[in-house]
Every structure is written in C-alpha cells, then in structure tokens.
C-alpha cells in the first residue's frame, strides 16, 4: 500500500457529537490541535482519552462535551484586555499550584 499525502482540504477536523452521552469525539490532522489535546490528556487523563492514532498523524480523542465551544469573535479591545489579564494573573484554566510552578 502506498503512502499518499493528504491535501490540506483532506486534513480535516471533525467533532462527533452524540446527544446520548456526555462526551464528544474529535478527529483531527491539525498539529496545533493535536498538541493541545495531547497536553490536556497528560494533565487530565480521565477526561481526554486518545482513542486512535491514524495515518497522516491523525488522532481521535474522546473529550467532555463541556470542553467544546462555539463563541462569537472577540473584539480587538477584549483580546488586548485578556492578554493584559493573562500577563498579570496567569492563564484562567491553570490552577493556583500550576501558575506558581511556572506553567
């Protein structure tokens, strides 16, 4: 079997949302999203579960539905304010211990 490289259009991200469960599955080829999911699975192994590693560096993770969100775009003013808040107080999803450890 020859290894064919996928085009950018074929390197998609798919979120499977089952109304019968509290989890969603995220299938992706995106390197940035893959890295974020890997990091979250290391920090929260019971919540972010690697289900499959596939061809072309694709991965499928099972994640809590509450971690999937669709939001309106941020205004530039809000983005600047959040950058300033993060510089002063750290990232909002880190625990106090993680902020103190330098994460």
PDB file of N, CA and C in Angstrom:
ATOM      1  N   UNK A   1       0.849  -1.184   0.000  1.00  0.00           N
ATOM      2  CA  UNK A   1       0.000   0.000   0.000  1.00  0.00           C
ATOM      3  C   UNK A   1       0.892   1.244   0.000  1.00  0.00           C
ATOM      4  N   UNK A   2       0.676   2.126  -0.921  1.00  0.00           N
ATOM      5  CA  UNK A   2       1.499   3.327  -0.983  1.00  0.00           C
ATOM      6  C   UNK A   2       0.976   4.376  -0.013  1.00  0.00           C
ATOM      7  N   UNK A   3       1.885   5.163   0.487  1.00  0.00           N
ATOM      8  CA  UNK A   3       1.512   6.234   1.416  1.00  0.00           C
ATOM      9  C   UNK A   3       1.256   7.489   0.600  1.00  0.00           C
ATOM     10  N   UNK A   4       0.032   7.916   0.568  1.00  0.00           N
ATOM     11  CA  UNK A   4      -0.319   9.121  -0.154  1.00  0.00           C
ATOM     12  C   UNK A   4      -0.482  10.253   0.845  1.00  0.00           C
ATOM     13  N   UNK A   5       0.073  11.373   0.491  1.00  0.00           N
ATOM     14  CA  UNK A   5      -0.049  12.537   1.355  1.00  0.00           C
ATOM     15  C   UNK A   5      -1.417  13.184   1.121  1.00  0.00           C
ATOM     16  N   UNK A   6      -2.081  13.517   2.197  1.00  0.00           N
ATOM     17  CA  UNK A   6      -3.385  14.163   2.091  1.00  0.00           C
ATOM     18  C   UNK A   6      -3.218  15.641   1.754  1.00  0.00           C
ATOM     19  N   UNK A   7      -4.128  16.156   0.940  1.00  0.00           N
ATOM     20  CA  UNK A   7      -4.118  17.585   0.637  1.00  0.00           C
ATOM     21  C   UNK A   7      -4.571  18.335   1.889  1.00  0.00           C
ATOM     22  N   UNK A   8      -4.342  19.631   1.924  1.00  0.00           N
ATOM     23  CA  UNK A   8      -4.779  20.432   3.075  1.00  0.00           C
ATOM     24  C   UNK A   8      -6.289  20.325   3.283  1.00  0.00           C
ATOM     25  N   UNK A   9      -7.045  20.269   2.190  1.00  0.00           N
ATOM     26  CA  UNK A   9      -8.501  20.149   2.299  1.00  0.00           C
ATOM     27  C   UNK A   9      -8.910  18.816   2.920  1.00  0.00           C
ATOM     28  N   UNK A  10      -8.101  17.785   2.721  1.00  0.00           N
ATOM     29  CA  UNK A  10      -8.405  16.465   3.277  1.00  0.00           C
ATOM     30  C   UNK A  10      -7.957  16.322   4.728  1.00  0.00           C
ATOM     31  N   UNK A  11      -7.122  17.220   5.191  1.00  0.00           N
ATOM     32  CA  UNK A  11      -6.637  17.183   6.574  1.00  0.00           C
ATOM     33  C   UNK A  11      -7.642  17.922   7.448  1.00  0.00           C
ATOM     34  N   UNK A  12      -8.767  17.292   7.661  1.00  0.00           N
ATOM     35  CA  UNK A  12      -9.869  17.969   8.322  1.00  0.00           C
ATOM     36  C   UNK A  12      -9.923  17.675   9.814  1.00  0.00           C
ATOM     37  N   UNK A  13     -10.766  18.443  10.490  1.00  0.00           N
ATOM     38  CA  UNK A  13     -11.092  18.209  11.892  1.00  0.00           C
ATOM     39  C   UNK A  13     -12.590  17.975  11.954  1.00  0.00           C
ATOM     40  N   UNK A  14     -12.976  16.890  12.611  1.00  0.00           N
ATOM     41  CA  UNK A  14     -14.384  16.527  12.723  1.00  0.00           C
ATOM     42  C   UNK A  14     -14.713  16.338  14.200  1.00  0.00           C
ATOM     43  N   UNK A  15     -15.788  16.967  14.633  1.00  0.00           N
ATOM     44  CA  UNK A  15     -16.273  16.793  16.006  1.00  0.00           C
ATOM     45  C   UNK A  15     -17.567  15.986  15.935  1.00  0.00           C
ATOM     46  N   UNK A  16     -17.547  14.811  16.538  1.00  0.00           N
ATOM     47  CA  UNK A  16     -18.735  13.952  16.576  1.00  0.00           C
ATOM     48  C   UNK A  16     -19.444  14.178  17.911  1.00  0.00           C
ATOM     49  N   UNK A  17     -20.673  14.608  17.828  1.00  0.00           N
ATOM     50  CA  UNK A  17     -21.455  14.989  18.998  1.00  0.00           C
ATOM     51  C   UNK A  17     -22.632  14.029  19.118  1.00  0.00           C
ATOM     52  N   UNK A  18     -22.628  13.173  20.125  1.00  0.00           N
ATOM     53  CA  UNK A  18     -23.697  12.206  20.347  1.00  0.00           C
ATOM     54  C   UNK A  18     -24.573  12.726  21.479  1.00  0.00           C
ATOM     55  N   UNK A  19     -25.838  12.973  21.183  1.00  0.00           N
ATOM     56  CA  UNK A  19     -26.734  13.518  22.208  1.00  0.00           C
ATOM     57  C   UNK A  19     -26.993  12.551  23.355  1.00  0.00           C
ATOM     58  N   UNK A  20     -26.632  11.289  23.187  1.00  0.00           N
ATOM     59  CA  UNK A  20     -26.882  10.295  24.227  1.00  0.00           C
ATOM     60  C   UNK A  20     -25.777  10.179  25.263  1.00  0.00           C
ATOM     61  N   UNK A  21     -24.660  10.885  25.067  1.00  0.00           N
ATOM     62  CA  UNK A  21     -23.541  10.773  26.008  1.00  0.00           C
ATOM     63  C   UNK A  21     -23.069  12.163  26.436  1.00  0.00           C
ATOM     64  N   UNK A  22     -22.194  12.187  27.408  1.00  0.00           N
ATOM     65  CA  UNK A  22     -21.616  13.448  27.879  1.00  0.00           C
ATOM     66  C   UNK A  22     -20.286  13.772  27.231  1.00  0.00           C
ATOM     67  N   UNK A  23     -19.913  12.962  26.220  1.00  0.00           N
ATOM     68  CA  UNK A  23     -18.627  13.165  25.569  1.00  0.00           C
ATOM     69  C   UNK A  23     -18.806  13.410  24.079  1.00  0.00           C
ATOM     70  N   UNK A  24     -17.768  13.965  23.490  1.00  0.00           N
ATOM     71  CA  UNK A  24     -17.677  14.163  22.044  1.00  0.00           C
ATOM     72  C   UNK A  24     -16.373  13.533  21.584  1.00  0.00           C
ATOM     73  N   UNK A  25     -16.293  13.194  20.304  1.00  0.00           N
ATOM     74  CA  UNK A  25     -15.043  12.706  19.734  1.00  0.00           C
ATOM     75  C   UNK A  25     -14.514  13.753  18.779  1.00  0.00           C
ATOM     76  N   UNK A  26     -13.216  14.002  18.870  1.00  0.00           N
ATOM     77  CA  UNK A  26     -12.552  14.966  17.994  1.00  0.00           C
ATOM     78  C   UNK A  26     -11.530  14.200  17.163  1.00  0.00           C
ATOM     79  N   UNK A  27     -11.734  14.206  15.856  1.00  0.00           N
ATOM     80  CA  UNK A  27     -10.811  13.611  14.898  1.00  0.00           C
ATOM     81  C   UNK A  27     -10.120  14.763  14.194  1.00  0.00           C
ATOM     82  N   UNK A  28      -8.787  14.758  14.184  1.00  0.00           N
ATOM     83  CA  UNK A  28      -8.084  15.881  13.574  1.00  0.00           C
ATOM     84  C   UNK A  28      -6.728  15.484  13.019  1.00  0.00           C
ATOM     85  N   UNK A  29      -6.302  16.262  12.039  1.00  0.00           N
ATOM     86  CA  UNK A  29      -4.949  16.204  11.483  1.00  0.00           C
ATOM     87  C   UNK A  29      -4.161  17.449  11.893  1.00  0.00           C
ATOM     88  N   UNK A  30      -4.842  18.430  12.461  1.00  0.00           N
ATOM     89  CA  UNK A  30      -4.239  19.723  12.780  1.00  0.00           C
ATOM     90  C   UNK A  30      -3.189  19.578  13.886  1.00  0.00           C
ATOM     91  N   UNK A  31      -1.949  19.959  13.573  1.00  0.00           N
ATOM     92  CA  UNK A  31      -0.840  19.781  14.524  1.00  0.00           C
ATOM     93  C   UNK A  31      -1.049  20.588  15.802  1.00  0.00           C
ATOM     94  N   UNK A  32      -1.555  21.795  15.680  1.00  0.00           N
ATOM     95  CA  UNK A  32      -1.759  22.631  16.864  1.00  0.00           C
ATOM     96  C   UNK A  32      -2.824  22.029  17.783  1.00  0.00           C
ATOM     97  N   UNK A  33      -3.925  21.587  17.204  1.00  0.00           N
ATOM     98  CA  UNK A  33      -4.994  20.983  17.989  1.00  0.00           C
ATOM     99  C   UNK A  33      -4.551  19.643  18.577  1.00  0.00           C
ATOM    100  N   UNK A  34      -3.793  18.871  17.800  1.00  0.00           N
ATOM    101  CA  UNK A  34      -3.260  17.601  18.299  1.00  0.00           C
ATOM    102  C   UNK A  34      -2.376  17.828  19.520  1.00  0.00           C
ATOM    103  N   UNK A  35      -1.519  18.835  19.457  1.00  0.00           N
ATOM    104  CA  UNK A  35      -0.660  19.155  20.598  1.00  0.00           C
ATOM    105  C   UNK A  35      -1.448  19.573  21.822  1.00  0.00           C
ATOM    106  N   UNK A  36      -2.482  20.369  21.600  1.00  0.00           N
ATOM    107  CA  UNK A  36      -3.324  20.817  22.710  1.00  0.00           C
ATOM    108  C   UNK A  36      -4.053  19.629  23.344  1.00  0.00           C
ATOM    109  N   UNK A  37      -4.584  18.736  22.510  1.00  0.00           N
ATOM    110  CA  UNK A  37      -5.266  17.555  23.038  1.00  0.00           C
ATOM    111  C   UNK A  37      -4.305  16.640  23.785  1.00  0.00           C
ATOM    112  N   UNK A  38      -3.085  16.483  23.265  1.00  0.00           N
ATOM    113  CA  UNK A  38      -2.071  15.652  23.937  1.00  0.00           C
ATOM    114  C   UNK A  38      -1.739  16.233  25.313  1.00  0.00           C
ATOM    115  N   UNK A  39      -1.543  17.530  25.364  1.00  0.00           N
ATOM    116  CA  UNK A  39      -1.231  18.181  26.643  1.00  0.00           C
ATOM    117  C   UNK A  39      -2.382  18.015  27.637  1.00  0.00           C
ATOM    118  N   UNK A  40      -3.602  18.218  27.166  1.00  0.00           N
ATOM    119  CA  UNK A  40      -4.756  18.065  28.054  1.00  0.00           C
ATOM    120  C   UNK A  40      -4.911  16.618  28.514  1.00  0.00           C
ATOM    121  N   UNK A  41      -4.596  15.651  27.655  1.00  0.00           N
ATOM    122  CA  UNK A  41      -4.709  14.249  28.076  1.00  0.00           C
ATOM    123  C   UNK A  41      -3.655  13.887  29.115  1.00  0.00           C
ATOM    124  N   UNK A  42      -2.510  14.552  29.078  1.00  0.00           N
ATOM    125  CA  UNK A  42      -1.491  14.314  30.099  1.00  0.00           C
ATOM    126  C   UNK A  42      -1.907  14.915  31.436  1.00  0.00           C
ATOM    127  N   UNK A  43      -2.540  16.077  31.399  1.00  0.00           N
ATOM    128  CA  UNK A  43      -2.981  16.746  32.619  1.00  0.00           C
ATOM    129  C   UNK A  43      -4.269  16.159  33.179  1.00  0.00           C
ATOM    130  N   UNK A  44      -5.161  15.713  32.275  1.00  0.00           N
ATOM    131  CA  UNK A  44      -6.475  15.202  32.675  1.00  0.00           C
ATOM    132  C   UNK A  44      -6.748  13.878  31.957  1.00  0.00           C
ATOM    133  N   UNK A  45      -6.002  12.814  32.304  1.00  0.00           N
ATOM    134  CA  UNK A  45      -6.094  11.555  31.548  1.00  0.00           C
ATOM    135  C   UNK A  45      -7.467  10.890  31.593  1.00  0.00           C
ATOM    136  N   UNK A  46      -8.241  11.142  32.626  1.00  0.00           N
ATOM    137  CA  UNK A  46      -9.563  10.523  32.709  1.00  0.00           C
ATOM    138  C   UNK A  46     -10.586  11.237  31.826  1.00  0.00           C
ATOM    139  N   UNK A  47     -10.329  12.482  31.458  1.00  0.00           N
ATOM    140  CA  UNK A  47     -11.283  13.267  30.674  1.00  0.00           C
ATOM    141  C   UNK A  47     -10.928  13.331  29.187  1.00  0.00           C
ATOM    142  N   UNK A  48      -9.645  13.385  28.859  1.00  0.00           N
ATOM    143  CA  UNK A  48      -9.185  13.497  27.475  1.00  0.00           C
ATOM    144  C   UNK A  48      -8.481  12.198  27.107  1.00  0.00           C
ATOM    145  N   UNK A  49      -9.198  11.321  26.392  1.00  0.00           N
ATOM    146  CA  UNK A  49      -8.724   9.966  26.137  1.00  0.00           C
ATOM    147  C   UNK A  49      -8.393   9.811  24.645  1.00  0.00           C
ATOM    148  N   UNK A  50      -7.152   9.416  24.366  1.00  0.00           N
ATOM    149  CA  UNK A  50      -6.756   9.117  22.990  1.00  0.00           C
ATOM    150  C   UNK A  50      -7.402   7.802  22.595  1.00  0.00           C
ATOM    151  N   UNK A  51      -8.277   7.835  21.595  1.00  0.00           N
ATOM    152  CA  UNK A  51      -8.972   6.633  21.131  1.00  0.00           C
ATOM    153  C   UNK A  51      -8.208   5.959  20.006  1.00  0.00           C
ATOM    154  N   UNK A  52      -7.651   6.757  19.076  1.00  0.00           N
ATOM    155  CA  UNK A  52      -6.954   6.199  17.925  1.00  0.00           C
ATOM    156  C   UNK A  52      -5.903   7.168  17.412  1.00  0.00           C
ATOM    157  N   UNK A  53      -4.785   6.609  16.960  1.00  0.00           N
ATOM    158  CA  UNK A  53      -3.807   7.333  16.156  1.00  0.00           C
ATOM    159  C   UNK A  53      -3.902   6.719  14.772  1.00  0.00           C
ATOM    160  N   UNK A  54      -4.095   7.555  13.777  1.00  0.00           N
ATOM    161  CA  UNK A  54      -4.306   7.029  12.434  1.00  0.00           C
ATOM    162  C   UNK A  54      -3.229   7.465  11.468  1.00  0.00           C
ATOM    163  N   UNK A  55      -3.474   7.250  10.198  1.00  0.00           N
ATOM    164  CA  UNK A  55      -2.500   7.631   9.175  1.00  0.00           C
ATOM    165  C   UNK A  55      -2.378   9.145   9.054  1.00  0.00           C
ATOM    166  N   UNK A  56      -1.229   9.581   8.585  1.00  0.00           N
ATOM    167  CA  UNK A  56      -1.024  11.011   8.369  1.00  0.00           C
ATOM    168  C   UNK A  56      -1.060  11.830   9.640  1.00  0.00           C
ATOM    169  N   UNK A  57      -0.645  11.254  10.737  1.00  0.00           N
ATOM    170  CA  UNK A  57      -0.617  11.921  12.052  1.00  0.00           C
ATOM    171  C   UNK A  57      -2.006  12.307  12.556  1.00  0.00           C
ATOM    172  N   UNK A  58      -3.035  11.642  12.071  1.00  0.00           N
ATOM    173  CA  UNK A  58      -4.379  11.927  12.566  1.00  0.00           C
ATOM    174  C   UNK A  58      -4.562  11.278  13.939  1.00  0.00           C
ATOM    175  N   UNK A  59      -5.397  11.893  14.752  1.00  0.00           N
ATOM    176  CA  UNK A  59      -5.728  11.360  16.072  1.00  0.00           C
ATOM    177  C   UNK A  59      -7.221  11.522  16.311  1.00  0.00           C
ATOM    178  N   UNK A  60      -7.750  10.678  17.180  1.00  0.00           N
ATOM    179  CA  UNK A  60      -9.129  10.799  17.633  1.00  0.00           C
ATOM    180  C   UNK A  60      -9.104  10.762  19.151  1.00  0.00           C
ATOM    181  N   UNK A  61      -9.647  11.799  19.767  1.00  0.00           N
ATOM    182  CA  UNK A  61      -9.744  11.888  21.226  1.00  0.00           C
ATOM    183  C   UNK A  61     -11.202  11.919  21.633  1.00  0.00           C
ATOM    184  N   UNK A  62     -11.490  11.308  22.766  1.00  0.00           N
ATOM    185  CA  UNK A  62     -12.793  11.449  23.406  1.00  0.00           C
ATOM    186  C   UNK A  62     -12.630  12.512  24.481  1.00  0.00           C
ATOM    187  N   UNK A  63     -13.502  13.521  24.456  1.00  0.00           N
ATOM    188  CA  UNK A  63     -13.382  14.641  25.392  1.00  0.00           C
ATOM    189  C   UNK A  63     -14.754  14.979  25.977  1.00  0.00           C
ATOM    190  N   UNK A  64     -14.784  15.667  27.115  1.00  0.00           N
ATOM    191  CA  UNK A  64     -16.068  16.098  27.673  1.00  0.00           C
ATOM    192  C   UNK A  64     -16.733  17.129  26.750  1.00  0.00           C
ATOM    193  N   UNK A  65     -18.033  17.012  26.588  1.00  0.00           N
ATOM    194  CA  UNK A  65     -18.757  17.968  25.740  1.00  0.00           C
ATOM    195  C   UNK A  65     -18.596  19.400  26.236  1.00  0.00           C
ATOM    196  N   UNK A  66     -18.484  19.582  27.530  1.00  0.00           N
ATOM    197  CA  UNK A  66     -18.388  20.939  28.068  1.00  0.00           C
ATOM    198  C   UNK A  66     -17.109  21.651  27.607  1.00  0.00           C
ATOM    199  N   UNK A  67     -16.177  20.895  27.040  1.00  0.00           N
ATOM    200  CA  UNK A  67     -14.926  21.479  26.547  1.00  0.00           C
ATOM    201  C   UNK A  67     -15.014  21.901  25.086  1.00  0.00           C
ATOM    202  N   UNK A  68     -16.139  21.633  24.443  1.00  0.00           N
ATOM    203  CA  UNK A  68     -16.356  22.054  23.059  1.00  0.00           C
ATOM    204  C   UNK A  68     -17.186  23.330  23.105  1.00  0.00           C
ATOM    205  N   UNK A  69     -16.739  24.354  22.424  1.00  0.00           N
ATOM    206  CA  UNK A  69     -17.483  25.604  22.463  1.00  0.00           C
ATOM    207  C   UNK A  69     -17.456  26.331  21.137  1.00  0.00           C
ATOM    208  N   UNK A  70     -18.535  27.038  20.875  1.00  0.00           N
ATOM    209  CA  UNK A  70     -18.621  27.921  19.721  1.00  0.00           C
ATOM    210  C   UNK A  70     -19.003  29.275  20.278  1.00  0.00           C
ATOM    211  N   UNK A  71     -18.224  30.268  19.927  1.00  0.00           N
ATOM    212  CA  UNK A  71     -18.431  31.590  20.520  1.00  0.00           C
ATOM    213  C   UNK A  71     -18.334  32.659  19.445  1.00  0.00           C
ATOM    214  N   UNK A  72     -18.886  33.821  19.728  1.00  0.00           N
ATOM    215  CA  UNK A  72     -18.724  34.924  18.775  1.00  0.00           C
ATOM    216  C   UNK A  72     -17.274  35.396  18.766  1.00  0.00           C
ATOM    217  N   UNK A  73     -16.848  36.038  17.695  1.00  0.00           N
ATOM    218  CA  UNK A  73     -15.465  36.528  17.652  1.00  0.00           C
ATOM    219  C   UNK A  73     -15.213  37.592  18.719  1.00  0.00           C
ATOM    220  N   UNK A  74     -13.993  37.604  19.232  1.00  0.00           N
ATOM    221  CA  UNK A  74     -13.603  38.621  20.207  1.00  0.00           C
ATOM    222  C   UNK A  74     -13.305  39.934  19.508  1.00  0.00           C
ATOM    223  N   UNK A  75     -13.650  41.020  20.159  1.00  0.00           N
ATOM    224  CA  UNK A  75     -13.242  42.327  19.645  1.00  0.00           C
ATOM    225  C   UNK A  75     -11.753  42.507  19.954  1.00  0.00           C
ATOM    226  N   UNK A  76     -11.104  43.381  19.238  1.00  0.00           N
ATOM    227  CA  UNK A  76      -9.679  43.630  19.491  1.00  0.00           C
ATOM    228  C   UNK A  76      -9.487  44.177  20.904  1.00  0.00           C
ATOM    229  N   UNK A  77     -10.421  44.974  21.385  1.00  0.00           N
ATOM    230  CA  UNK A  77     -10.343  45.506  22.752  1.00  0.00           C
ATOM    231  C   UNK A  77     -10.376  44.371  23.783  1.00  0.00           C
ATOM    232  N   UNK A  78     -11.274  43.405  23.575  1.00  0.00           N
ATOM    233  CA  UNK A  78     -11.366  42.279  24.513  1.00  0.00           C
ATOM    234  C   UNK A  78     -10.097  41.427  24.462  1.00  0.00           C
ATOM    235  N   UNK A  79      -9.543  41.206  23.272  1.00  0.00           N
ATOM    236  CA  UNK A  79      -8.311  40.432  23.132  1.00  0.00           C
ATOM    237  C   UNK A  79      -7.162  41.106  23.879  1.00  0.00           C
ATOM    238  N   UNK A  80      -7.038  42.416  23.744  1.00  0.00           N
ATOM    239  CA  UNK A  80      -5.990  43.157  24.442  1.00  0.00           C
ATOM    240  C   UNK A  80      -6.166  43.046  25.962  1.00  0.00           C
ATOM    241  N   UNK A  81      -7.411  43.169  26.415  1.00  0.00           N
ATOM    242  CA  UNK A  81      -7.684  43.066  27.848  1.00  0.00           C
ATOM    243  C   UNK A  81      -7.336  41.679  28.374  1.00  0.00           C
ATOM    244  N   UNK A  82      -7.659  40.639  27.629  1.00  0.00           N
ATOM    245  CA  UNK A  82      -7.340  39.285  28.068  1.00  0.00           C
ATOM    246  C   UNK A  82      -5.833  39.035  28.070  1.00  0.00           C
ATOM    247  N   UNK A  83      -5.124  39.585  27.106  1.00  0.00           N
ATOM    248  CA  UNK A  83      -3.660  39.468  27.121  1.00  0.00           C
ATOM    249  C   UNK A  83      -3.087  40.108  28.376  1.00  0.00           C
ATOM    250  N   UNK A  84      -3.574  41.296  28.698  1.00  0.00           N
ATOM    251  CA  UNK A  84      -3.100  42.000  29.891  1.00  0.00           C
ATOM    252  C   UNK A  84      -3.446  41.224  31.154  1.00  0.00           C
ATOM    253  N   UNK A  85      -4.666  40.701  31.232  1.00  0.00           N
ATOM    254  CA  UNK A  85      -5.073  39.899  32.392  1.00  0.00           C
ATOM    255  C   UNK A  85      -4.194  38.661  32.545  1.00  0.00           C
ATOM    256  N   UNK A  86      -3.873  37.993  31.428  1.00  0.00           N
ATOM    257  CA  UNK A  86      -3.034  36.792  31.479  1.00  0.00           C
ATOM    258  C   UNK A  86      -1.626  37.137  31.947  1.00  0.00           C
ATOM    259  N   UNK A  87      -1.099  38.274  31.518  1.00  0.00           N
ATOM    260  CA  UNK A  87       0.234  38.695  31.967  1.00  0.00           C
ATOM    261  C   UNK A  87       0.250  38.951  33.470  1.00  0.00           C
ATOM    262  N   UNK A  88      -0.813  39.554  33.962  1.00  0.00           N
ATOM    263  CA  UNK A  88      -0.884  39.912  35.377  1.00  0.00           C
ATOM    264  C   UNK A  88      -1.278  38.744  36.281  1.00  0.00           C
ATOM    265  N   UNK A  89      -2.193  37.875  35.799  1.00  0.00           N
ATOM    266  CA  UNK A  89      -2.778  36.858  36.675  1.00  0.00           C
ATOM    267  C   UNK A  89      -2.569  35.427  36.201  1.00  0.00           C
ATOM    268  N   UNK A  90      -1.940  35.216  35.065  1.00  0.00           N
ATOM    269  CA  UNK A  90      -1.769  33.870  34.524  1.00  0.00           C
ATOM    270  C   UNK A  90      -2.965  33.459  33.693  1.00  0.00           C
ATOM    271  N   UNK A  91      -2.873  32.305  33.080  1.00  0.00           N
ATOM    272  CA  UNK A  91      -3.961  31.813  32.247  1.00  0.00           C
ATOM    273  C   UNK A  91      -5.112  31.335  33.123  1.00  0.00           C
ATOM    274  N   UNK A  92      -6.356  31.562  32.707  1.00  0.00           N
ATOM    275  CA  UNK A  92      -7.504  31.275  33.569  1.00  0.00           C
ATOM    276  C   UNK A  92      -7.742  29.809  33.850  1.00  0.00           C
ATOM    277  N   UNK A  93      -7.290  28.889  32.987  1.00  0.00           N
ATOM    278  CA  UNK A  93      -7.576  27.476  33.199  1.00  0.00           C
ATOM    279  C   UNK A  93      -6.529  26.782  34.060  1.00  0.00           C
ATOM    280  N   UNK A  94      -5.464  27.477  34.455  1.00  0.00           N
ATOM    281  CA  UNK A  94      -4.453  26.875  35.305  1.00  0.00           C
ATOM    282  C   UNK A  94      -4.861  26.987  36.769  1.00  0.00           C
ATOM    283  N   UNK A  95      -4.534  25.961  37.546  1.00  0.00           N
ATOM    284  CA  UNK A  95      -4.775  26.021  38.983  1.00  0.00           C
ATOM    285  C   UNK A  95      -3.723  26.942  39.604  1.00  0.00           C
ATOM    286  N   UNK A  96      -3.940  27.340  40.831  1.00  0.00           N
ATOM    287  CA  UNK A  96      -3.003  28.204  41.533  1.00  0.00           C
ATOM    288  C   UNK A  96      -1.627  27.527  41.633  1.00  0.00           C
ATOM    289  N   UNK A  97      -1.630  26.211  41.892  1.00  0.00           N
ATOM    290  CA  UNK A  97      -0.365  25.470  42.004  1.00  0.00           C
ATOM    291  C   UNK A  97       0.383  25.459  40.671  1.00  0.00           C
ATOM    292  N   UNK A  98      -0.346  25.289  39.565  1.00  0.00           N
ATOM    293  CA  UNK A  98       0.293  25.273  38.248  1.00  0.00           C
ATOM    294  C   UNK A  98       0.874  26.643  37.901  1.00  0.00           C
ATOM    295  N   UNK A  99       0.140  27.710  38.241  1.00  0.00           N
ATOM    296  CA  UNK A  99       0.661  29.065  37.992  1.00  0.00           C
ATOM    297  C   UNK A  99       1.940  29.288  38.793  1.00  0.00           C
ATOM    298  N   UNK A 100       1.939  28.844  40.054  1.00  0.00           N
ATOM    299  CA  UNK A 100       3.120  29.015  40.905  1.00  0.00           C
ATOM    300  C   UNK A 100       4.291  28.185  40.425  1.00  0.00           C
ATOM    301  N   UNK A 101       3.989  27.041  39.752  1.00  0.00           N
ATOM    302  CA  UNK A 101       5.061  26.173  39.233  1.00  0.00           C
ATOM    303  C   UNK A 101       5.623  26.698  37.921  1.00  0.00           C
ATOM    304  N   UNK A 102       5.022  27.758  37.366  1.00  0.00           N
ATOM    305  CA  UNK A 102       5.555  28.363  36.155  1.00  0.00           C
ATOM    306  C   UNK A 102       4.973  27.867  34.863  1.00  0.00           C
ATOM    307  N   UNK A 103       3.820  27.201  34.912  1.00  0.00           N
ATOM    308  CA  UNK A 103       3.169  26.735  33.677  1.00  0.00           C
ATOM    309  C   UNK A 103       2.657  27.889  32.877  1.00  0.00           C
TER     310      UNK A 103
END
